[in-house]
C-alpha atoms as a PDB file:
ATOM      1  CA  MET A   1     -13.774-105.528-111.445  1.00  0.00           C
ATOM      2  CA  PRO A   2     -14.011-105.886-115.266  1.00  0.00           C
ATOM      3  CA  ARG A   3     -13.647-102.654-117.230  1.00  0.00           C
ATOM      4  CA  LYS A   4     -16.476-101.461-119.438  1.00  0.00           C
ATOM      5  CA  GLY A   5     -16.461-103.458-122.667  1.00  0.00           C
ATOM      6  CA  ASP A   6     -14.628-106.426-121.133  1.00  0.00           C
ATOM      7  CA  HIS A   7     -16.256-109.848-121.373  1.00  0.00           C
ATOM      8  CA  ALA A   8     -16.786-111.868-118.221  1.00  0.00           C
ATOM      9  CA  PRO A   9     -14.746-115.096-118.122  1.00  0.00           C
ATOM     10  CA  VAL A  10     -16.590-118.238-119.194  1.00  0.00           C
ATOM     11  CA  TRP A  11     -16.470-119.707-115.688  1.00  0.00           C
ATOM     12  CA  ALA A  12     -18.417-116.723-114.325  1.00  0.00           C
ATOM     13  CA  SER A  13     -21.668-118.398-115.460  1.00  0.00           C
ATOM     14  CA  GLN A  14     -20.925-121.622-113.584  1.00  0.00           C
ATOM     15  CA  ASN A  15     -21.670-122.637-109.992  1.00  0.00           C
ATOM     16  CA  PHE A  16     -18.825-124.751-108.654  1.00  0.00           C
ATOM     17  CA  LEU A  17     -19.041-127.677-106.248  1.00  0.00           C
ATOM     18  CA  THR A  18     -16.077-127.152-103.943  1.00  0.00           C
ATOM     19  CA  GLY A  19     -16.745-129.320-100.888  1.00  0.00           C
ATOM     20  CA  ARG A  20     -14.653-132.497-100.978  1.00  0.00           C
ATOM     21  CA  ALA A  21     -17.095-134.346 -98.672  1.00  0.00           C
ATOM     22  CA  VAL A  22     -20.081-133.439-100.885  1.00  0.00           C
ATOM     23  CA  ILE A  23     -18.284-134.552-104.065  1.00  0.00           C
ATOM     24  CA  ALA A  24     -17.136-137.808-102.429  1.00  0.00           C
ATOM     25  CA  ALA A  25     -20.712-138.523-101.328  1.00  0.00           C
ATOM     26  CA  LEU A  26     -21.940-137.960-104.883  1.00  0.00           C
ATOM     27  CA  LEU A  27     -19.358-140.327-106.337  1.00  0.00           C
ATOM     28  CA  ARG A  28     -20.503-143.037-103.922  1.00  0.00           C
ATOM     29  CA  LYS A  29     -23.941-142.827-105.581  1.00  0.00           C
ATOM     30  CA  THR A  30     -22.409-143.772-108.931  1.00  0.00           C
ATOM     31  CA  SER A  31     -21.064-146.987-110.443  1.00  0.00           C
ATOM     32  CA  LEU A  32     -17.721-145.384-111.359  1.00  0.00           C
ATOM     33  CA  SER A  33     -14.857-147.774-110.705  1.00  0.00           C
ATOM     34  CA  ALA A  34     -11.165-148.347-111.321  1.00  0.00           C
ATOM     35  CA  THR A  35     -11.885-149.873-114.744  1.00  0.00           C
ATOM     36  CA  ASP A  36     -13.876-146.956-116.126  1.00  0.00           C
ATOM     37  CA  HIS A  37     -13.183-144.196-118.604  1.00  0.00           C
ATOM     38  CA  VAL A  38     -15.063-141.131-117.378  1.00  0.00           C
ATOM     39  CA  VAL A  39     -15.635-137.839-119.192  1.00  0.00           C
ATOM     40  CA  GLU A  40     -15.929-134.688-117.112  1.00  0.00           C
ATOM     41  CA  ILE A  41     -17.615-131.706-118.768  1.00  0.00           C
ATOM     42  CA  GLY A  42     -16.457-128.329-117.495  1.00  0.00           C
ATOM     43  CA  PRO A  43     -13.972-129.356-114.768  1.00  0.00           C
ATOM     44  CA  GLY A  44     -13.550-125.693-113.802  1.00  0.00           C
ATOM     45  CA  LYS A  45     -11.095-125.500-110.931  1.00  0.00           C
ATOM     46  CA  GLY A  46     -10.619-129.251-110.706  1.00  0.00           C
ATOM     47  CA  HIS A  47     -12.373-130.058-107.417  1.00  0.00           C
ATOM     48  CA  ILE A  48     -14.267-133.006-108.944  1.00  0.00           C
ATOM     49  CA  THR A  49     -11.370-133.932-111.229  1.00  0.00           C
ATOM     50  CA  ALA A  50      -9.094-134.498-108.245  1.00  0.00           C
ATOM     51  CA  LEU A  51     -11.320-137.317-106.985  1.00  0.00           C
ATOM     52  CA  LEU A  52     -12.079-138.755-110.412  1.00  0.00           C
ATOM     53  CA  VAL A  53      -8.395-139.310-111.237  1.00  0.00           C
ATOM     54  CA  LYS A  54      -8.071-141.331-108.017  1.00  0.00           C
ATOM     55  CA  ARG A  55     -11.210-143.364-108.646  1.00  0.00           C
ATOM     56  CA  CYS A  56     -11.185-144.145-112.396  1.00  0.00           C
ATOM     57  CA  LYS A  57      -8.777-145.709-114.860  1.00  0.00           C
ATOM     58  CA  THR A  58      -8.974-142.829-117.343  1.00  0.00           C
ATOM     59  CA  VAL A  59     -10.390-139.321-117.011  1.00  0.00           C
ATOM     60  CA  THR A  60     -11.043-137.053-119.982  1.00  0.00           C
ATOM     61  CA  ALA A  61     -11.811-133.467-118.964  1.00  0.00           C
ATOM     62  CA  VAL A  62     -13.184-130.945-121.474  1.00  0.00           C
ATOM     63  CA  GLU A  63     -12.921-127.301-120.399  1.00  0.00           C
ATOM     64  CA  ILE A  64     -13.907-124.347-122.573  1.00  0.00           C
ATOM     65  CA  ASP A  65     -12.192-121.579-120.572  1.00  0.00           C
ATOM     66  CA  PRO A  66      -8.520-121.074-121.589  1.00  0.00           C
ATOM     67  CA  ALA A  67      -7.556-119.562-118.233  1.00  0.00           C
ATOM     68  CA  LEU A  68      -8.991-122.512-116.310  1.00  0.00           C
ATOM     69  CA  CYS A  69      -7.349-124.927-118.746  1.00  0.00           C
ATOM     70  CA  HIS A  70      -3.970-123.414-117.981  1.00  0.00           C
ATOM     71  CA  LYS A  71      -4.532-123.763-114.225  1.00  0.00           C
ATOM     72  CA  LEU A  72      -5.769-127.340-114.639  1.00  0.00           C
ATOM     73  CA  LYS A  73      -2.672-128.320-116.630  1.00  0.00           C
ATOM     74  CA  THR A  74      -0.475-126.990-113.850  1.00  0.00           C
ATOM     75  CA  LYS A  75      -2.543-128.534-111.054  1.00  0.00           C
ATOM     76  CA  PHE A  76      -2.704-132.007-112.652  1.00  0.00           C
ATOM     77  CA  ASN A  77       0.692-132.058-114.315  1.00  0.00           C
ATOM     78  CA  ASP A  78       1.537-135.399-112.666  1.00  0.00           C
ATOM     79  CA  ALA A  79      -1.812-137.102-113.298  1.00  0.00           C
ATOM     80  CA  ALA A  80      -0.909-139.696-115.921  1.00  0.00           C
ATOM     81  CA  ASN A  81      -4.489-140.923-116.334  1.00  0.00           C
ATOM     82  CA  LEU A  82      -5.931-137.468-117.128  1.00  0.00           C
ATOM     83  CA  ALA A  83      -6.429-136.122-120.665  1.00  0.00           C
ATOM     84  CA  LEU A  84      -7.361-132.442-120.681  1.00  0.00           C
ATOM     85  CA  HIS A  85      -8.958-130.812-123.735  1.00  0.00           C
ATOM     86  CA  CYS A  86      -9.386-127.059-123.957  1.00  0.00           C
ATOM     87  CA  ARG A  87     -12.480-127.203-126.154  1.00  0.00           C
ATOM     88  CA  ASP A  88     -16.160-126.392-126.247  1.00  0.00           C
ATOM     89  CA  PHE A  89     -17.768-129.703-125.296  1.00  0.00           C
ATOM     90  CA  ILE A  90     -20.586-129.149-127.784  1.00  0.00           C
ATOM     91  CA  ARG A  91     -18.012-129.217-130.623  1.00  0.00           C
ATOM     92  CA  TRP A  92     -15.806-131.907-129.098  1.00  0.00           C
ATOM     93  CA  PRO A  93     -16.140-135.424-130.611  1.00  0.00           C
ATOM     94  CA  LEU A  94     -17.426-137.994-128.170  1.00  0.00           C
ATOM     95  CA  PRO A  95     -15.158-140.973-127.415  1.00  0.00           C
ATOM     96  CA  SER A  96     -15.317-143.930-129.773  1.00  0.00           C
ATOM     97  CA  GLY A  97     -15.066-146.542-127.031  1.00  0.00           C
ATOM     98  CA  PRO A  98     -17.082-147.220-123.863  1.00  0.00           C
ATOM     99  CA  TYR A  99     -17.269-144.359-121.355  1.00  0.00           C
ATOM    100  CA  LYS A 100     -19.346-142.767-118.614  1.00  0.00           C
ATOM    101  CA  VAL A 101     -19.909-139.118-117.713  1.00  0.00           C
ATOM    102  CA  PHE A 102     -19.786-137.281-114.426  1.00  0.00           C
ATOM    103  CA  ALA A 103     -20.126-133.522-114.509  1.00  0.00           C
ATOM    104  CA  ASN A 104     -21.335-130.376-112.818  1.00  0.00           C
ATOM    105  CA  ILE A 105     -22.431-128.744-116.041  1.00  0.00           C
ATOM    106  CA  PRO A 106     -23.076-125.014-116.613  1.00  0.00           C
ATOM    107  CA  PHE A 107     -26.792-124.585-116.013  1.00  0.00           C
ATOM    108  CA  ASN A 108     -27.187-122.291-119.048  1.00  0.00           C
ATOM    109  CA  ARG A 109     -26.003-125.065-121.396  1.00  0.00           C
ATOM    110  CA  THR A 110     -27.997-127.956-119.949  1.00  0.00           C
ATOM    111  CA  THR A 111     -30.196-128.598-122.979  1.00  0.00           C
ATOM    112  CA  ASP A 112     -27.346-128.507-125.505  1.00  0.00           C
ATOM    113  CA  ILE A 113     -25.150-130.803-123.420  1.00  0.00           C
ATOM    114  CA  LEU A 114     -27.904-133.309-122.738  1.00  0.00           C
ATOM    115  CA  ARG A 115     -28.890-133.346-126.391  1.00  0.00           C
ATOM    116  CA  LYS A 116     -25.296-134.021-127.475  1.00  0.00           C
ATOM    117  CA  LEU A 117     -24.879-136.845-124.966  1.00  0.00           C
ATOM    118  CA  THR A 118     -28.134-138.581-125.836  1.00  0.00           C
ATOM    119  CA  GLU A 119     -28.534-137.940-129.585  1.00  0.00           C
ATOM    120  CA  GLU A 120     -25.051-138.286-131.094  1.00  0.00           C
ATOM    121  CA  ARG A 121     -23.381-141.563-132.010  1.00  0.00           C
ATOM    122  CA  ASN A 122     -21.887-143.582-129.150  1.00  0.00           C
ATOM    123  CA  PRO A 123     -23.616-142.005-126.139  1.00  0.00           C
ATOM    124  CA  PRO A 124     -22.332-142.858-122.640  1.00  0.00           C
ATOM    125  CA  SER A 125     -23.511-146.007-120.915  1.00  0.00           C
ATOM    126  CA  GLU A 126     -24.247-143.890-117.830  1.00  0.00           C
ATOM    127  CA  ALA A 127     -24.085-140.210-116.984  1.00  0.00           C
ATOM    128  CA  TRP A 128     -24.451-138.263-113.740  1.00  0.00           C
ATOM    129  CA  LEU A 129     -25.161-134.587-114.330  1.00  0.00           C
ATOM    130  CA  THR A 130     -25.745-131.705-111.963  1.00  0.00           C
ATOM    131  CA  MET A 131     -28.465-129.366-113.212  1.00  0.00           C
ATOM    132  CA  GLU A 132     -31.237-127.065-112.091  1.00  0.00           C
ATOM    133  CA  LYS A 133     -34.150-128.940-110.538  1.00  0.00           C
ATOM    134  CA  GLY A 134     -36.629-127.405-113.010  1.00  0.00           C
ATOM    135  CA  ALA A 135     -34.657-128.703-115.997  1.00  0.00           C
ATOM    136  CA  ALA A 136     -34.302-132.128-114.391  1.00  0.00           C
ATOM    137  CA  MET A 137     -38.070-132.291-113.820  1.00  0.00           C
ATOM    138  CA  ARG A 138     -38.768-131.441-117.466  1.00  0.00           C
ATOM    139  CA  PHE A 139     -36.346-134.048-118.786  1.00  0.00           C
ATOM    140  CA  SER A 140     -37.819-136.598-116.373  1.00  0.00           C
ATOM    141  CA  GLY A 141     -41.353-135.878-117.587  1.00  0.00           C
ATOM    142  CA  LEU A 142     -42.513-134.461-114.237  1.00  0.00           C
ATOM    143  CA  PRO A 143     -45.211-133.569-113.433  1.00  0.00           C
ATOM    144  CA  ARG A 144     -46.217-134.619-116.957  1.00  0.00           C
ATOM    145  CA  GLU A 145     -44.524-135.925-120.085  1.00  0.00           C
ATOM    146  CA  ASN A 146     -43.389-133.393-122.685  1.00  0.00           C
ATOM    147  CA  LEU A 147     -41.564-133.509-126.008  1.00  0.00           C
ATOM    148  CA  ARG A 148     -38.136-133.463-124.350  1.00  0.00           C
ATOM    149  CA  SER A 149     -38.885-136.295-121.940  1.00  0.00           C
ATOM    150  CA  LEU A 150     -40.627-138.370-124.610  1.00  0.00           C
ATOM    151  CA  SER A 151     -37.622-137.905-126.924  1.00  0.00           C
ATOM    152  CA  LEU A 152     -35.209-139.033-124.199  1.00  0.00           C
ATOM    153  CA  LYS A 153     -36.958-142.030-122.626  1.00  0.00           C
ATOM    154  CA  PRO A 154     -36.930-144.444-125.601  1.00  0.00           C
ATOM    155  CA  ARG A 155     -33.131-144.589-125.263  1.00  0.00           C
ATOM    156  CA  PHE A 156     -32.430-143.744-121.616  1.00  0.00           C
ATOM    157  CA  ASP A 157     -33.776-144.276-118.139  1.00  0.00           C
ATOM    158  CA  ILE A 158     -33.571-141.043-116.114  1.00  0.00           C
ATOM    159  CA  GLU A 159     -33.888-140.428-112.390  1.00  0.00           C
ATOM    160  CA  ILE A 160     -33.022-137.779-109.826  1.00  0.00           C
ATOM    161  CA  VAL A 161     -30.546-139.317-107.375  1.00  0.00           C
ATOM    162  CA  HIS A 162     -29.520-136.362-105.200  1.00  0.00           C
ATOM    163  CA  LYS A 163     -30.902-132.999-104.109  1.00  0.00           C
ATOM    164  CA  PHE A 164     -28.372-130.292-103.280  1.00  0.00           C
ATOM    165  CA  ARG A 165     -28.423-127.464-100.806  1.00  0.00           C
ATOM    166  CA  ARG A 166     -27.737-124.164-102.499  1.00  0.00           C
ATOM    167  CA  GLU A 167     -24.902-123.723-100.028  1.00  0.00           C
ATOM    168  CA  ASP A 168     -23.105-126.678-101.676  1.00  0.00           C
ATOM    169  CA  PHE A 169     -22.140-124.366-104.558  1.00  0.00           C
ATOM    170  CA  HIS A 170     -19.945-121.338-104.976  1.00  0.00           C
ATOM    171  CA  PRO A 171     -21.338-118.954-105.921  1.00  0.00           C
ATOM    172  CA  LYS A 172     -24.713-120.028-104.523  1.00  0.00           C
ATOM    173  CA  PRO A 173     -27.187-120.589-107.407  1.00  0.00           C
ATOM    174  CA  GLY A 174     -30.511-118.795-107.623  1.00  0.00           C
ATOM    175  CA  ALA A 175     -32.427-122.073-108.102  1.00  0.00           C
ATOM    176  CA  ASP A 176     -32.431-125.523-106.534  1.00  0.00           C
ATOM    177  CA  ALA A 177     -30.122-128.097-108.135  1.00  0.00           C
ATOM    178  CA  VAL A 178     -30.132-131.881-108.341  1.00  0.00           C
ATOM    179  CA  LEU A 179     -27.982-134.720-109.648  1.00  0.00           C
ATOM    180  CA  ILE A 180     -29.601-136.870-112.343  1.00  0.00           C
ATOM    181  CA  ARG A 181     -28.578-140.309-113.524  1.00  0.00           C
ATOM    182  CA  LEU A 182     -28.976-141.307-117.156  1.00  0.00           C
ATOM    183  CA  HIS A 183     -28.710-144.995-117.991  1.00  0.00           C
ATOM    184  CA  ARG A 184     -28.612-146.049-121.626  1.00  0.00           C
ATOM    185  CA  LYS A 185     -31.000-148.881-122.380  1.00  0.00           C
ATOM    186  CA  PRO A 186     -29.420-152.077-123.836  1.00  0.00           C
ATOM    187  CA  ALA A 187     -31.764-151.697-126.822  1.00  0.00           C
ATOM    188  CA  PRO A 188     -33.889-148.639-127.577  1.00  0.00           C
ATOM    189  CA  ASP A 189     -37.648-148.935-127.246  1.00  0.00           C
ATOM    190  CA  ILE A 190     -37.983-147.358-130.700  1.00  0.00           C
ATOM    191  CA  PRO A 191     -35.983-148.931-133.578  1.00  0.00           C
ATOM    192  CA  PRO A 192     -33.824-146.409-135.459  1.00  0.00           C
ATOM    193  CA  ALA A 193     -35.914-146.853-138.621  1.00  0.00           C
ATOM    194  CA  GLN A 194     -39.031-145.712-136.728  1.00  0.00           C
ATOM    195  CA  TRP A 195     -37.439-142.803-134.849  1.00  0.00           C
ATOM    196  CA  GLN A 196     -38.647-139.990-137.091  1.00  0.00           C
ATOM    197  CA  SER A 197     -42.151-141.469-137.149  1.00  0.00           C
ATOM    198  CA  TYR A 198     -42.160-141.628-133.349  1.00  0.00           C
ATOM    199  CA  GLN A 199     -41.055-138.003-133.005  1.00  0.00           C
ATOM    200  CA  ARG A 200     -43.765-136.858-135.418  1.00  0.00           C
ATOM    201  CA  PHE A 201     -46.309-138.941-133.500  1.00  0.00           C
ATOM    202  CA  VAL A 202     -45.546-137.504-130.051  1.00  0.00           C
ATOM    203  CA  SER A 203     -45.177-133.974-131.405  1.00  0.00           C
ATOM    204  CA  GLU A 204     -48.628-134.191-132.983  1.00  0.00           C
ATOM    205  CA  GLY A 205     -50.130-136.082-130.070  1.00  0.00           C
ATOM    206  CA  LEU A 206     -49.099-133.453-127.531  1.00  0.00           C
ATOM    207  CA  GLN A 207     -51.084-130.783-129.382  1.00  0.00           C
ATOM    208  CA  ALA A 208     -54.700-130.119-128.509  1.00  0.00           C
ATOM    209  CA  GLY A 209     -56.815-132.757-130.226  1.00  0.00           C
ATOM    210  CA  GLY A 210     -53.709-134.353-131.678  1.00  0.00           C
ATOM    211  CA  LEU A 211     -54.533-137.937-130.754  1.00  0.00           C
ATOM    212  CA  ARG A 212     -57.965-137.692-132.353  1.00  0.00           C
ATOM    213  CA  ARG A 213     -56.303-136.545-135.575  1.00  0.00           C
ATOM    214  CA  LEU A 214     -53.788-139.401-135.440  1.00  0.00           C
ATOM    215  CA  PHE A 215     -56.352-142.139-134.857  1.00  0.00           C
ATOM    216  CA  LYS A 216     -59.366-142.276-137.137  1.00  0.00           C
ATOM    217  CA  GLY A 217     -62.857-143.325-136.150  1.00  0.00           C
ATOM    218  CA  ARG A 218     -63.078-145.841-133.321  1.00  0.00           C
ATOM    219  CA  ARG A 219     -59.403-146.718-133.417  1.00  0.00           C
ATOM    220  CA  LEU A 220     -58.554-144.127-130.761  1.00  0.00           C
ATOM    221  CA  SER A 221     -60.880-145.701-128.188  1.00  0.00           C
ATOM    222  CA  ALA A 222     -59.418-149.136-128.883  1.00  0.00           C
ATOM    223  CA  ALA A 223     -55.852-147.810-128.703  1.00  0.00           C
ATOM    224  CA  LEU A 224     -56.527-145.988-125.439  1.00  0.00           C
ATOM    225  CA  ARG A 225     -57.974-149.161-123.896  1.00  0.00           C
ATOM    226  CA  GLU A 226     -54.903-151.093-124.998  1.00  0.00           C
ATOM    227  CA  ALA A 227     -52.604-148.468-123.454  1.00  0.00           C
ATOM    228  CA  GLY A 228     -54.604-148.360-120.233  1.00  0.00           C
ATOM    229  CA  VAL A 229     -55.627-144.721-120.740  1.00  0.00           C
ATOM    230  CA  SER A 230     -59.060-143.609-119.577  1.00  0.00           C
ATOM    231  CA  ASN A 231     -59.345-140.600-121.923  1.00  0.00           C
ATOM    232  CA  ALA A 232     -57.556-138.814-124.730  1.00  0.00           C
ATOM    233  CA  ALA A 233     -56.061-136.073-122.545  1.00  0.00           C
ATOM    234  CA  SER A 234     -52.372-136.439-123.415  1.00  0.00           C
ATOM    235  CA  ALA A 235     -51.336-134.470-120.324  1.00  0.00           C
ATOM    236  CA  ASN A 236     -52.329-137.432-118.148  1.00  0.00           C
ATOM    237  CA  MET A 237     -50.363-140.092-120.026  1.00  0.00           C
ATOM    238  CA  LEU A 238     -47.136-141.778-118.941  1.00  0.00           C
ATOM    239  CA  TYR A 239     -44.261-142.589-121.287  1.00  0.00           C
ATOM    240  CA  VAL A 240     -45.151-146.310-121.394  1.00  0.00           C
ATOM    241  CA  GLN A 241     -48.662-145.354-122.527  1.00  0.00           C
ATOM    242  CA  TRP A 242     -47.298-143.082-125.254  1.00  0.00           C
ATOM    243  CA  LEU A 243     -45.108-145.995-126.381  1.00  0.00           C
ATOM    244  CA  CYS A 244     -48.095-148.333-126.479  1.00  0.00           C
ATOM    245  CA  LEU A 245     -50.139-145.821-128.476  1.00  0.00           C
ATOM    246  CA  PHE A 246     -47.337-145.321-130.976  1.00  0.00           C
ATOM    247  CA  ARG A 247     -46.980-149.071-131.524  1.00  0.00           C
ATOM    248  CA  CYS A 248     -50.730-149.357-131.995  1.00  0.00           C
ATOM    249  CA  HIS A 249     -50.628-146.487-134.490  1.00  0.00           C
ATOM    250  CA  ARG A 250     -47.820-148.215-136.384  1.00  0.00           C
ATOM    251  CA  ARG A 251     -49.853-151.393-136.750  1.00  0.00           C
ATOM    252  CA  HIS A 252     -52.672-149.512-138.436  1.00  0.00           C
ATOM    253  CA  THR A 253     -50.476-147.112-140.428  1.00  0.00           C
ATOM    254  CA  PRO A 254     -47.211-149.059-141.048  1.00  0.00           C
ATOM    255  CA  GLY A 255     -46.089-146.776-143.854  1.00  0.00           C
ATOM    256  CA  LYS A 256     -46.000-143.687-141.617  1.00  0.00           C
END
């Protein structure tokens, strides 16, 4: 038991997947193959890593906890296709070449990790991430779109591909968990030059009365008809309808 004043180890905030059969079943849901470079965030005790090194050409594992890093180096001393980095993933530079991600991420760092993977240069072509169900729902825009989901979807498709039992983890988490799949779109729905305008548009549009402020006069009614929206209640709109409204707004206010 830690003495008073001691800090808990970093891994104490993580729920580990330890069942080999569960991990193998998850990997079968992915496109990971013998030609892939895969990045694992927070390998922990190496249960997932052990199967990744057998499945993929190259595995890069980034672990923040020094004690776990030491154990991983010993455990995988003979794994020639594994590169282990004892770093905070948030401060670690993403690979310059093509790669995918498979990770059981610490639930308390979900937003930071997802933001890094989707907003920095050279994001992964695909990523499979274990996270709390509530967070996955928000990022997926369920039950309604929000600023996080609307910021993610122009660049990535997102879906929940697996629902865990709490017993699949050790220690057992206090909330339900799922596996999500992120797939980078070949071309973003929003051109880079319009990205800031789009973010301002959805941020304003999500506020009460925001769409009426964005569209003047009768333009809102025309834009809503074009987007297939029956009223201006933004809570009822899907991402594709937000996208249509933004493009309509751009046509009438191209300088914005």
